[in-house]
Amino acid sequence: MPRIEVLDWEAARTEAARIRMIVFVEEQRVPAEIEMDDRDAASVHALAYVDGKAVGTGRLLPDGHIGRMAVLKERRASGVGGAILARLVEEARRRGVKEVVLSAQTHALGFYRRHGFREQGEIFEEAGIAHQEMRRMLNS
């Protein structure tokens, strides 16, 4: 299992930005100018480490939105993404959030369903990629 650290943006920035640039900008062709935003500083960031190397990241905004979930290609389907998501959900619960929300890329809907999220609303496009809002209620 990966080791997950939850950090503020200043502590997470170097590794989280590196992973997000590889996954979103290089692989998925998301424009670099929209990948980093002003919500990073207000969020907490999970970094997943395997063998001492950061291999995945995600963020939790103060309003309970989870986003920017990214795992390096060589570590996908190995439990890293699930561990990041579980840690962010745990952090949201610890902060008193009652419901977490995310915008899932449609190819990842099954992954999020397995973690208790349910689709809401219509599919929409963001950065040229089909997404769907998903929600999960949290018990105290």
N, C-alpha and C. Protein backbone atom coordinates (compact mmCIF):
# COMPACT_ATOMS: atom_id res chain seq x y z
N MET A 1 0.84 -1.20 0.00
CA MET A 1 0.00 0.00 0.00
C MET A 1 0.88 1.25 0.00
N PRO A 2 0.42 2.26 -0.67
CA PRO A 2 1.19 3.51 -0.67
C PRO A 2 1.05 4.22 0.68
N ARG A 3 2.02 5.07 0.95
CA ARG A 3 1.95 5.96 2.11
C ARG A 3 1.31 7.25 1.61
N ILE A 4 0.28 7.72 2.32
CA ILE A 4 -0.44 8.94 1.91
C ILE A 4 -0.16 10.04 2.93
N GLU A 5 0.25 11.18 2.44
CA GLU A 5 0.44 12.37 3.28
C GLU A 5 -0.56 13.43 2.84
N VAL A 6 -1.16 14.13 3.80
CA VAL A 6 -2.05 15.25 3.50
C VAL A 6 -1.31 16.52 3.90
N LEU A 7 -1.15 17.40 2.92
CA LEU A 7 -0.29 18.57 3.07
C LEU A 7 -0.97 19.83 2.55
N ASP A 8 -0.50 20.98 3.00
CA ASP A 8 -0.97 22.22 2.39
C ASP A 8 -0.26 22.39 1.04
N TRP A 9 -0.69 23.38 0.28
CA TRP A 9 -0.17 23.55 -1.07
C TRP A 9 1.33 23.84 -1.08
N GLU A 10 1.80 24.63 -0.16
CA GLU A 10 3.23 24.95 -0.15
C GLU A 10 4.07 23.69 0.00
N ALA A 11 3.65 22.79 0.86
CA ALA A 11 4.40 21.55 1.08
C ALA A 11 4.22 20.56 -0.06
N ALA A 12 3.06 20.57 -0.70
CA ALA A 12 2.75 19.58 -1.74
C ALA A 12 3.09 20.05 -3.14
N ARG A 13 3.26 21.35 -3.33
CA ARG A 13 3.32 21.95 -4.66
C ARG A 13 4.29 21.26 -5.63
N THR A 14 5.51 21.05 -5.25
CA THR A 14 6.50 20.53 -6.19
C THR A 14 6.08 19.18 -6.75
N GLU A 15 5.74 18.25 -5.88
CA GLU A 15 5.39 16.90 -6.35
C GLU A 15 3.99 16.84 -6.95
N ALA A 16 3.03 17.53 -6.35
CA ALA A 16 1.66 17.51 -6.89
C ALA A 16 1.64 18.14 -8.28
N ALA A 17 2.31 19.25 -8.45
CA ALA A 17 2.34 19.92 -9.75
C ALA A 17 3.03 19.04 -10.79
N ARG A 18 4.11 18.37 -10.41
CA ARG A 18 4.82 17.48 -11.35
C ARG A 18 3.89 16.37 -11.83
N ILE A 19 3.20 15.72 -10.91
CA ILE A 19 2.31 14.62 -11.27
C ILE A 19 1.16 15.12 -12.13
N ARG A 20 0.55 16.23 -11.74
CA ARG A 20 -0.57 16.77 -12.51
C ARG A 20 -0.15 17.20 -13.91
N MET A 21 1.04 17.75 -14.06
CA MET A 21 1.51 18.15 -15.39
C MET A 21 1.71 16.92 -16.27
N ILE A 22 2.25 15.85 -15.72
CA ILE A 22 2.45 14.63 -16.50
C ILE A 22 1.09 14.05 -16.92
N VAL A 23 0.19 13.87 -15.94
CA VAL A 23 -1.08 13.20 -16.22
C VAL A 23 -2.03 14.07 -17.04
N PHE A 24 -2.27 15.28 -16.58
CA PHE A 24 -3.28 16.10 -17.24
C PHE A 24 -2.76 16.82 -18.48
N VAL A 25 -1.62 17.46 -18.39
CA VAL A 25 -1.13 18.26 -19.50
C VAL A 25 -0.47 17.39 -20.57
N GLU A 26 0.48 16.54 -20.17
CA GLU A 26 1.17 15.74 -21.17
C GLU A 26 0.30 14.61 -21.73
N GLU A 27 -0.34 13.83 -20.85
CA GLU A 27 -1.11 12.67 -21.33
C GLU A 27 -2.47 13.06 -21.89
N GLN A 28 -3.20 13.93 -21.17
CA GLN A 28 -4.58 14.22 -21.55
C GLN A 28 -4.73 15.52 -22.33
N ARG A 29 -3.66 16.22 -22.52
CA ARG A 29 -3.65 17.45 -23.33
C ARG A 29 -4.52 18.57 -22.76
N VAL A 30 -4.66 18.61 -21.44
CA VAL A 30 -5.32 19.74 -20.78
C VAL A 30 -4.38 20.94 -20.91
N PRO A 31 -4.89 22.11 -21.30
CA PRO A 31 -4.01 23.27 -21.43
C PRO A 31 -3.31 23.58 -20.10
N ALA A 32 -2.01 23.76 -20.14
CA ALA A 32 -1.22 24.00 -18.93
C ALA A 32 -1.73 25.21 -18.15
N GLU A 33 -2.20 26.22 -18.87
CA GLU A 33 -2.63 27.45 -18.20
C GLU A 33 -3.89 27.28 -17.35
N ILE A 34 -4.64 26.19 -17.55
CA ILE A 34 -5.83 25.99 -16.71
C ILE A 34 -5.63 24.88 -15.68
N GLU A 35 -4.51 24.18 -15.74
CA GLU A 35 -4.31 23.07 -14.82
C GLU A 35 -4.11 23.55 -13.38
N MET A 36 -3.27 24.48 -13.14
CA MET A 36 -3.06 25.02 -11.80
C MET A 36 -4.02 26.20 -11.64
N ASP A 37 -4.64 26.31 -10.46
CA ASP A 37 -5.59 27.41 -10.27
C ASP A 37 -5.48 27.96 -8.85
N ASP A 38 -6.23 29.02 -8.60
CA ASP A 38 -6.16 29.68 -7.30
C ASP A 38 -6.77 28.84 -6.18
N ARG A 39 -7.46 27.76 -6.52
CA ARG A 39 -8.04 26.90 -5.48
C ARG A 39 -7.00 25.98 -4.85
N ASP A 40 -5.84 25.83 -5.48
CA ASP A 40 -4.80 24.99 -4.90
C ASP A 40 -4.38 25.49 -3.51
N ALA A 41 -4.19 26.79 -3.38
CA ALA A 41 -3.73 27.34 -2.10
C ALA A 41 -4.75 27.16 -0.99
N ALA A 42 -6.03 27.09 -1.33
CA ALA A 42 -7.09 26.94 -0.32
C ALA A 42 -7.38 25.48 0.01
N SER A 43 -6.76 24.56 -0.71
CA SER A 43 -7.05 23.13 -0.58
C SER A 43 -5.99 22.42 0.24
N VAL A 44 -6.35 21.23 0.70
CA VAL A 44 -5.34 20.31 1.22
C VAL A 44 -5.09 19.28 0.13
N HIS A 45 -3.88 18.79 0.07
CA HIS A 45 -3.45 17.92 -1.02
C HIS A 45 -2.94 16.61 -0.45
N ALA A 46 -3.39 15.51 -1.06
CA ALA A 46 -2.88 14.19 -0.70
C ALA A 46 -1.80 13.83 -1.70
N LEU A 47 -0.68 13.34 -1.18
CA LEU A 47 0.37 12.79 -2.03
C LEU A 47 0.57 11.34 -1.64
N ALA A 48 0.62 10.48 -2.65
CA ALA A 48 0.85 9.05 -2.43
C ALA A 48 2.30 8.73 -2.78
N TYR A 49 2.95 8.02 -1.87
CA TYR A 49 4.34 7.63 -2.07
C TYR A 49 4.46 6.11 -2.12
N VAL A 50 5.20 5.62 -3.09
CA VAL A 50 5.56 4.21 -3.19
C VAL A 50 7.07 4.16 -3.31
N ASP A 51 7.70 3.40 -2.46
CA ASP A 51 9.16 3.30 -2.45
C ASP A 51 9.82 4.67 -2.38
N GLY A 52 9.21 5.58 -1.59
CA GLY A 52 9.78 6.90 -1.38
C GLY A 52 9.56 7.90 -2.50
N LYS A 53 8.85 7.50 -3.55
CA LYS A 53 8.61 8.39 -4.69
C LYS A 53 7.14 8.77 -4.76
N ALA A 54 6.87 10.06 -4.95
CA ALA A 54 5.49 10.53 -5.11
C ALA A 54 4.96 10.04 -6.46
N VAL A 55 3.82 9.31 -6.41
CA VAL A 55 3.27 8.71 -7.63
C VAL A 55 1.82 9.09 -7.89
N GLY A 56 1.19 9.81 -6.96
CA GLY A 56 -0.20 10.20 -7.15
C GLY A 56 -0.57 11.36 -6.26
N THR A 57 -1.64 12.04 -6.63
CA THR A 57 -2.08 13.21 -5.87
C THR A 57 -3.58 13.43 -6.05
N GLY A 58 -4.15 14.22 -5.18
CA GLY A 58 -5.53 14.67 -5.25
C GLY A 58 -5.69 15.81 -4.27
N ARG A 59 -6.78 16.57 -4.41
CA ARG A 59 -6.97 17.69 -3.48
C ARG A 59 -8.39 17.71 -2.95
N LEU A 60 -8.53 18.32 -1.78
CA LEU A 60 -9.83 18.54 -1.13
C LEU A 60 -9.99 20.02 -0.88
N LEU A 61 -11.03 20.59 -1.51
CA LEU A 61 -11.33 22.00 -1.30
C LEU A 61 -12.11 22.17 0.00
N PRO A 62 -12.11 23.35 0.57
CA PRO A 62 -12.82 23.58 1.83
C PRO A 62 -14.31 23.24 1.78
N ASP A 63 -14.93 23.33 0.59
CA ASP A 63 -16.37 23.05 0.48
C ASP A 63 -16.69 21.58 0.27
N GLY A 64 -15.68 20.70 0.34
CA GLY A 64 -15.92 19.27 0.20
C GLY A 64 -15.75 18.72 -1.20
N HIS A 65 -15.32 19.54 -2.13
CA HIS A 65 -15.05 19.04 -3.49
C HIS A 65 -13.68 18.37 -3.52
N ILE A 66 -13.65 17.20 -4.12
CA ILE A 66 -12.40 16.47 -4.35
C ILE A 66 -12.06 16.65 -5.82
N GLY A 67 -10.81 16.89 -6.11
CA GLY A 67 -10.42 17.07 -7.49
C GLY A 67 -8.95 16.84 -7.74
N ARG A 68 -8.58 17.01 -8.99
CA ARG A 68 -7.20 16.87 -9.45
C ARG A 68 -6.58 15.53 -9.02
N MET A 69 -7.42 14.48 -9.07
CA MET A 69 -6.95 13.13 -8.79
C MET A 69 -6.09 12.67 -9.97
N ALA A 70 -4.85 12.31 -9.70
CA ALA A 70 -3.93 11.90 -10.76
C ALA A 70 -2.94 10.88 -10.22
N VAL A 71 -2.75 9.82 -10.96
CA VAL A 71 -1.78 8.77 -10.61
C VAL A 71 -0.91 8.53 -11.84
N LEU A 72 0.39 8.45 -11.62
CA LEU A 72 1.30 8.18 -12.73
C LEU A 72 0.96 6.84 -13.38
N LYS A 73 1.09 6.78 -14.69
CA LYS A 73 0.66 5.64 -15.49
C LYS A 73 1.17 4.31 -14.94
N GLU A 74 2.42 4.26 -14.54
CA GLU A 74 2.99 2.99 -14.09
C GLU A 74 2.43 2.50 -12.76
N ARG A 75 1.67 3.34 -12.06
CA ARG A 75 1.09 2.95 -10.77
C ARG A 75 -0.44 2.86 -10.81
N ARG A 76 -1.04 3.04 -11.97
CA ARG A 76 -2.50 2.92 -12.07
C ARG A 76 -2.91 1.47 -11.89
N ALA A 77 -4.12 1.28 -11.40
CA ALA A 77 -4.69 -0.05 -11.16
C ALA A 77 -3.89 -0.84 -10.14
N SER A 78 -3.23 -0.11 -9.22
CA SER A 78 -2.45 -0.78 -8.17
C SER A 78 -2.92 -0.40 -6.77
N GLY A 79 -4.04 0.33 -6.69
CA GLY A 79 -4.57 0.74 -5.39
C GLY A 79 -4.17 2.14 -4.95
N VAL A 80 -3.31 2.80 -5.71
CA VAL A 80 -2.85 4.14 -5.33
C VAL A 80 -4.01 5.14 -5.36
N GLY A 81 -4.77 5.15 -6.45
CA GLY A 81 -5.88 6.10 -6.56
C GLY A 81 -6.92 5.88 -5.48
N GLY A 82 -7.23 4.63 -5.19
CA GLY A 82 -8.19 4.32 -4.13
C GLY A 82 -7.70 4.78 -2.77
N ALA A 83 -6.41 4.63 -2.52
CA ALA A 83 -5.84 5.06 -1.24
C ALA A 83 -5.89 6.58 -1.11
N ILE A 84 -5.60 7.29 -2.20
CA ILE A 84 -5.69 8.76 -2.18
C ILE A 84 -7.13 9.18 -1.91
N LEU A 85 -8.06 8.59 -2.65
CA LEU A 85 -9.47 8.96 -2.49
C LEU A 85 -9.96 8.67 -1.08
N ALA A 86 -9.63 7.51 -0.55
CA ALA A 86 -10.06 7.17 0.82
C ALA A 86 -9.49 8.16 1.83
N ARG A 87 -8.26 8.57 1.65
CA ARG A 87 -7.64 9.52 2.59
C ARG A 87 -8.29 10.90 2.48
N LEU A 88 -8.63 11.33 1.28
CA LEU A 88 -9.31 12.62 1.12
C LEU A 88 -10.72 12.57 1.71
N VAL A 89 -11.43 11.47 1.54
CA VAL A 89 -12.76 11.31 2.14
C VAL A 89 -12.63 11.33 3.66
N GLU A 90 -11.65 10.64 4.19
CA GLU A 90 -11.41 10.64 5.64
C GLU A 90 -11.12 12.05 6.14
N GLU A 91 -10.32 12.80 5.39
CA GLU A 91 -9.99 14.18 5.78
C GLU A 91 -11.24 15.05 5.74
N ALA A 92 -12.09 14.87 4.74
CA ALA A 92 -13.34 15.63 4.66
C ALA A 92 -14.21 15.34 5.87
N ARG A 93 -14.34 14.07 6.20
CA ARG A 93 -15.14 13.66 7.36
C ARG A 93 -14.57 14.30 8.64
N ARG A 94 -13.26 14.25 8.78
CA ARG A 94 -12.60 14.83 9.96
C ARG A 94 -12.88 16.34 10.08
N ARG A 95 -13.04 16.99 8.93
CA ARG A 95 -13.30 18.43 8.90
C ARG A 95 -14.79 18.76 9.03
N GLY A 96 -15.63 17.75 9.18
CA GLY A 96 -17.05 17.99 9.38
C GLY A 96 -17.85 18.12 8.11
N VAL A 97 -17.27 17.79 6.97
CA VAL A 97 -17.99 17.84 5.70
C VAL A 97 -19.03 16.73 5.68
N LYS A 98 -20.25 17.03 5.27
CA LYS A 98 -21.34 16.06 5.25
C LYS A 98 -21.47 15.32 3.92
N GLU A 99 -20.97 15.95 2.84
CA GLU A 99 -21.09 15.35 1.52
C GLU A 99 -19.86 15.77 0.70
N VAL A 100 -19.23 14.79 0.03
CA VAL A 100 -18.13 15.11 -0.87
C VAL A 100 -18.65 15.02 -2.30
N VAL A 101 -18.10 15.88 -3.15
CA VAL A 101 -18.53 16.01 -4.54
C VAL A 101 -17.28 16.01 -5.41
N LEU A 102 -17.39 15.43 -6.59
CA LEU A 102 -16.28 15.49 -7.53
C LEU A 102 -16.80 15.48 -8.95
N SER A 103 -15.96 15.89 -9.87
CA SER A 103 -16.26 15.83 -11.30
C SER A 103 -15.38 14.72 -11.86
N ALA A 104 -15.99 13.59 -12.16
CA ALA A 104 -15.25 12.42 -12.63
C ALA A 104 -15.16 12.41 -14.15
N GLN A 105 -13.98 12.09 -14.66
CA GLN A 105 -13.89 11.80 -16.08
C GLN A 105 -14.72 10.54 -16.31
N THR A 106 -15.47 10.51 -17.39
CA THR A 106 -16.43 9.41 -17.56
C THR A 106 -15.78 8.04 -17.63
N HIS A 107 -14.55 7.95 -18.08
CA HIS A 107 -13.89 6.64 -18.10
C HIS A 107 -13.61 6.11 -16.70
N ALA A 108 -13.66 7.00 -15.68
CA ALA A 108 -13.36 6.61 -14.30
C ALA A 108 -14.62 6.45 -13.44
N LEU A 109 -15.80 6.50 -14.03
CA LEU A 109 -17.03 6.41 -13.23
C LEU A 109 -17.07 5.13 -12.40
N GLY A 110 -16.67 4.02 -12.95
CA GLY A 110 -16.68 2.75 -12.21
C GLY A 110 -15.78 2.79 -10.99
N PHE A 111 -14.62 3.40 -11.13
CA PHE A 111 -13.69 3.56 -10.00
C PHE A 111 -14.38 4.31 -8.86
N TYR A 112 -15.01 5.43 -9.17
CA TYR A 112 -15.65 6.23 -8.13
C TYR A 112 -16.89 5.53 -7.56
N ARG A 113 -17.63 4.82 -8.40
CA ARG A 113 -18.77 4.05 -7.89
C ARG A 113 -18.31 3.04 -6.84
N ARG A 114 -17.19 2.37 -7.11
CA ARG A 114 -16.66 1.38 -6.16
C ARG A 114 -16.29 2.01 -4.82
N HIS A 115 -16.12 3.33 -4.81
CA HIS A 115 -15.77 4.04 -3.58
C HIS A 115 -16.97 4.80 -3.00
N GLY A 116 -18.17 4.40 -3.40
CA GLY A 116 -19.38 4.93 -2.79
C GLY A 116 -19.95 6.19 -3.41
N PHE A 117 -19.41 6.65 -4.52
CA PHE A 117 -19.92 7.85 -5.18
C PHE A 117 -21.02 7.47 -6.16
N ARG A 118 -21.97 8.38 -6.34
CA ARG A 118 -23.09 8.17 -7.26
C ARG A 118 -23.21 9.35 -8.21
N GLU A 119 -23.54 9.06 -9.46
CA GLU A 119 -23.68 10.09 -10.48
C GLU A 119 -24.84 11.01 -10.16
N GLN A 120 -24.67 12.27 -10.58
CA GLN A 120 -25.75 13.24 -10.47
C GLN A 120 -25.68 14.16 -11.68
N GLY A 121 -26.81 14.40 -12.29
CA GLY A 121 -26.88 15.32 -13.41
C GLY A 121 -26.38 14.72 -14.71
N GLU A 122 -26.17 15.60 -15.65
CA GLU A 122 -25.79 15.22 -17.01
C GLU A 122 -24.28 15.23 -17.19
N ILE A 123 -23.82 14.51 -18.19
CA ILE A 123 -22.41 14.54 -18.56
C ILE A 123 -22.11 15.91 -19.16
N PHE A 124 -20.95 16.47 -18.83
CA PHE A 124 -20.54 17.77 -19.35
C PHE A 124 -19.08 17.69 -19.76
N GLU A 125 -18.65 18.68 -20.51
CA GLU A 125 -17.27 18.72 -20.98
C GLU A 125 -16.49 19.75 -20.19
N GLU A 126 -15.30 19.36 -19.79
CA GLU A 126 -14.37 20.27 -19.11
C GLU A 126 -12.99 20.00 -19.69
N ALA A 127 -12.33 21.03 -20.18
CA ALA A 127 -11.01 20.91 -20.79
C ALA A 127 -11.01 19.88 -21.93
N GLY A 128 -12.15 19.80 -22.65
CA GLY A 128 -12.25 18.89 -23.77
C GLY A 128 -12.45 17.43 -23.40
N ILE A 129 -12.75 17.15 -22.12
CA ILE A 129 -12.90 15.78 -21.62
C ILE A 129 -14.28 15.64 -20.99
N ALA A 130 -14.98 14.55 -21.31
CA ALA A 130 -16.32 14.30 -20.75
C ALA A 130 -16.21 13.98 -19.26
N HIS A 131 -17.04 14.64 -18.46
CA HIS A 131 -17.08 14.48 -17.01
C HIS A 131 -18.51 14.29 -16.54
N GLN A 132 -18.66 13.78 -15.34
CA GLN A 132 -19.95 13.73 -14.68
C GLN A 132 -19.76 14.02 -13.20
N GLU A 133 -20.67 14.83 -12.65
CA GLU A 133 -20.62 15.09 -11.22
C GLU A 133 -21.01 13.83 -10.46
N MET A 134 -20.30 13.59 -9.36
CA MET A 134 -20.61 12.45 -8.49
C MET A 134 -20.58 12.95 -7.05
N ARG A 135 -21.40 12.30 -6.21
CA ARG A 135 -21.52 12.70 -4.81
C ARG A 135 -21.49 11.49 -3.90
N ARG A 136 -21.05 11.74 -2.68
CA ARG A 136 -21.08 10.70 -1.64
C ARG A 136 -21.38 11.36 -0.30
N MET A 137 -22.44 10.91 0.35
CA MET A 137 -22.77 11.38 1.68
C MET A 137 -21.80 10.76 2.68
N LEU A 138 -21.45 11.53 3.70
CA LEU A 138 -20.53 11.03 4.73
C LEU A 138 -21.27 10.89 6.04
N ASN A 139 -21.04 9.79 6.71
CA ASN A 139 -21.57 9.60 8.05
C ASN A 139 -20.54 10.09 9.04
N SER A 140 -21.01 10.65 10.13
CA SER A 140 -20.09 11.18 11.14
C SER A 140 -19.28 10.09 11.79
